């Protein structure tokens, strides 16, 4: 299925993750919510598709050489090791729409299965070659938190 193109779309392109912070309603900011140097890319295509993946930069290697997550060797890894790998990486893809300074991602595939079929709404600002995406406030640690990811066009 083809998605209609969005005229004058400023998001088109590939962006590299520069920083990710959590802004808590009680006033504190966690500048390393995904580690000191998170790694990631987000791609917005002309025809309305999106792909995003990001992770903590300081991820531990698995204890065995695994060629594919679908191979039987994955079953020999400990639950703790698999959980560590899963909780330090996030990816999803689908389509998106724009409305003013809001972008809505419609999720078709995701590393978190519960996100499939959902929408993620982000506000965005552009400043030269930087794109800042902000989540709506979410409940976290007894208060509301906004996550802000800064991307640089490559």
Protein backbone atom coordinates (compact mmCIF):
# COMPACT_ATOMS: atom_id res chain seq x y z
CA UNK A 1 0.00 0.00 0.00
CA UNK A 2 1.38 3.39 -0.97
CA UNK A 3 1.16 6.35 1.37
CA UNK A 4 0.59 9.75 -0.28
CA UNK A 5 3.57 12.10 -0.15
CA UNK A 6 3.51 15.06 2.21
CA UNK A 7 4.17 18.37 0.42
CA UNK A 8 6.93 20.63 1.82
CA UNK A 9 7.86 17.96 4.35
CA UNK A 10 10.83 19.16 6.47
CA UNK A 11 11.39 15.73 8.05
CA UNK A 12 12.41 13.88 4.87
CA UNK A 13 15.81 12.26 5.25
CA UNK A 14 18.03 10.30 7.60
CA UNK A 15 18.77 11.66 11.05
CA UNK A 16 21.38 10.49 13.59
CA UNK A 17 20.63 10.52 17.31
CA UNK A 18 22.64 13.14 19.20
CA UNK A 19 21.06 13.05 22.66
CA UNK A 20 18.11 11.77 24.67
CA UNK A 21 16.91 13.31 27.91
CA UNK A 22 14.07 12.79 30.36
CA UNK A 23 12.45 15.90 31.80
CA UNK A 24 10.57 15.10 35.02
CA UNK A 25 7.60 17.16 36.23
CA UNK A 26 9.26 17.72 39.61
CA UNK A 27 12.02 19.67 37.87
CA UNK A 28 14.90 17.23 37.45
CA UNK A 29 16.41 16.33 34.10
CA UNK A 30 18.14 13.06 33.33
CA UNK A 31 20.55 13.85 30.47
CA UNK A 32 21.58 10.20 30.13
CA UNK A 33 18.25 8.40 29.98
CA UNK A 34 19.69 6.16 27.22
CA UNK A 35 23.28 6.34 28.44
CA UNK A 36 26.01 8.88 27.87
CA UNK A 37 26.13 8.54 24.08
CA UNK A 38 22.99 6.88 22.72
CA UNK A 39 23.22 5.56 19.18
CA UNK A 40 20.40 5.65 16.66
CA UNK A 41 18.89 6.64 13.36
CA UNK A 42 15.48 7.78 12.22
CA UNK A 43 14.43 7.89 8.58
CA UNK A 44 11.44 9.72 7.17
CA UNK A 45 10.69 8.95 3.52
CA UNK A 46 8.92 11.10 0.95
CA UNK A 47 6.10 8.57 0.65
CA UNK A 48 5.24 8.69 4.38
CA UNK A 49 7.23 5.80 5.85
CA UNK A 50 9.35 5.89 8.99
CA UNK A 51 12.03 3.63 10.42
CA UNK A 52 13.69 4.31 13.76
CA UNK A 53 16.15 2.43 15.91
CA UNK A 54 18.22 3.50 18.87
CA UNK A 55 20.12 1.99 21.76
CA UNK A 56 22.34 2.67 24.67
CA UNK A 57 25.93 2.99 23.48
CA UNK A 58 27.32 0.92 26.33
CA UNK A 59 25.48 -2.31 25.55
CA UNK A 60 27.13 -5.53 26.67
CA UNK A 61 28.01 -8.12 24.07
CA UNK A 62 26.27 -11.47 24.28
CA UNK A 63 28.27 -14.30 25.84
CA UNK A 64 28.07 -16.31 22.60
CA UNK A 65 28.37 -15.49 18.92
CA UNK A 66 24.79 -15.37 17.66
CA UNK A 67 24.24 -15.09 13.91
CA UNK A 68 20.48 -14.58 14.06
CA UNK A 69 17.91 -14.10 16.81
CA UNK A 70 15.93 -16.93 15.19
CA UNK A 71 18.69 -19.51 15.64
CA UNK A 72 18.48 -22.15 18.43
CA UNK A 73 21.63 -20.72 20.07
CA UNK A 74 19.51 -17.86 21.42
CA UNK A 75 17.74 -20.34 23.69
CA UNK A 76 21.00 -21.15 25.47
CA UNK A 77 21.46 -17.55 26.67
CA UNK A 78 20.32 -16.68 30.18
CA UNK A 79 17.07 -14.81 30.73
CA UNK A 80 19.07 -11.97 32.32
CA UNK A 81 21.34 -11.67 29.28
CA UNK A 82 18.40 -11.63 26.88
CA UNK A 83 16.58 -9.08 29.03
CA UNK A 84 19.65 -6.82 29.04
CA UNK A 85 19.88 -6.98 25.24
CA UNK A 86 16.15 -6.31 24.82
CA UNK A 87 15.93 -3.41 27.28
CA UNK A 88 18.86 -1.49 25.78
CA UNK A 89 17.53 -1.38 22.21
CA UNK A 90 14.36 -0.01 20.62
CA UNK A 91 13.18 -0.12 17.01
CA UNK A 92 10.00 0.33 15.05
CA UNK A 93 8.75 1.13 11.55
CA UNK A 94 5.52 2.11 9.89
CA UNK A 95 3.98 5.21 8.40
CA UNK A 96 3.63 8.77 9.61
CA UNK A 97 1.52 11.88 9.14
CA UNK A 98 2.23 15.55 9.83
CA UNK A 99 -0.02 18.23 11.28
CA UNK A 100 1.67 21.53 12.08
CA UNK A 101 4.57 20.73 14.43
CA UNK A 102 3.17 17.30 15.32
CA UNK A 103 4.23 14.04 13.72
CA UNK A 104 2.21 10.87 14.32
CA UNK A 105 3.91 7.51 13.83
CA UNK A 106 1.60 4.57 13.00
CA UNK A 107 3.48 1.46 14.11
CA UNK A 108 3.46 -1.64 11.87
CA UNK A 109 6.46 -3.52 13.31
CA UNK A 110 8.29 -2.98 16.59
CA UNK A 111 10.83 -4.47 18.96
CA UNK A 112 8.15 -3.98 21.65
CA UNK A 113 5.30 -6.15 20.32
CA UNK A 114 2.60 -4.23 22.20
CA UNK A 115 3.33 -1.14 20.08
CA UNK A 116 2.22 -2.78 16.82
CA UNK A 117 -0.99 -1.14 15.65
CA UNK A 118 -0.52 1.84 17.98
CA UNK A 119 0.27 5.46 17.22
CA UNK A 120 3.03 7.53 18.79
CA UNK A 121 2.53 11.28 18.75
CA UNK A 122 5.55 13.58 18.89
CA UNK A 123 5.93 17.33 18.71
CA UNK A 124 8.93 18.50 16.77
CA UNK A 125 11.10 21.55 16.34
CA UNK A 126 13.69 22.16 13.65
CA UNK A 127 16.78 24.30 14.08
CA UNK A 128 19.22 24.28 11.16
CA UNK A 129 20.27 20.60 10.82
CA UNK A 130 18.77 19.50 14.17
CA UNK A 131 15.40 17.86 14.79
CA UNK A 132 14.01 17.62 18.33
CA UNK A 133 11.20 15.13 18.94
CA UNK A 134 9.31 15.32 22.25
CA UNK A 135 6.86 12.83 23.69
CA UNK A 136 3.68 13.84 25.46
CA UNK A 137 4.04 13.54 29.26
CA UNK A 138 3.98 9.90 30.44
CA UNK A 139 3.66 8.58 33.97
CA UNK A 140 7.08 7.56 35.26
CA UNK A 141 8.49 7.23 38.78
CA UNK A 142 5.39 8.70 40.41
CA UNK A 143 5.22 11.78 38.18
CA UNK A 144 5.02 12.86 34.59
CA UNK A 145 8.05 12.70 32.32
CA UNK A 146 8.67 14.08 28.83
CA UNK A 147 11.34 12.39 26.72
CA UNK A 148 13.21 14.60 24.28
CA UNK A 149 15.40 13.16 21.52
CA UNK A 150 17.65 15.37 19.42
CA UNK A 151 18.61 14.17 15.93
CA UNK A 152 21.04 15.62 13.38
CA UNK A 153 20.44 15.38 9.64
CA UNK A 154 23.07 13.31 7.83
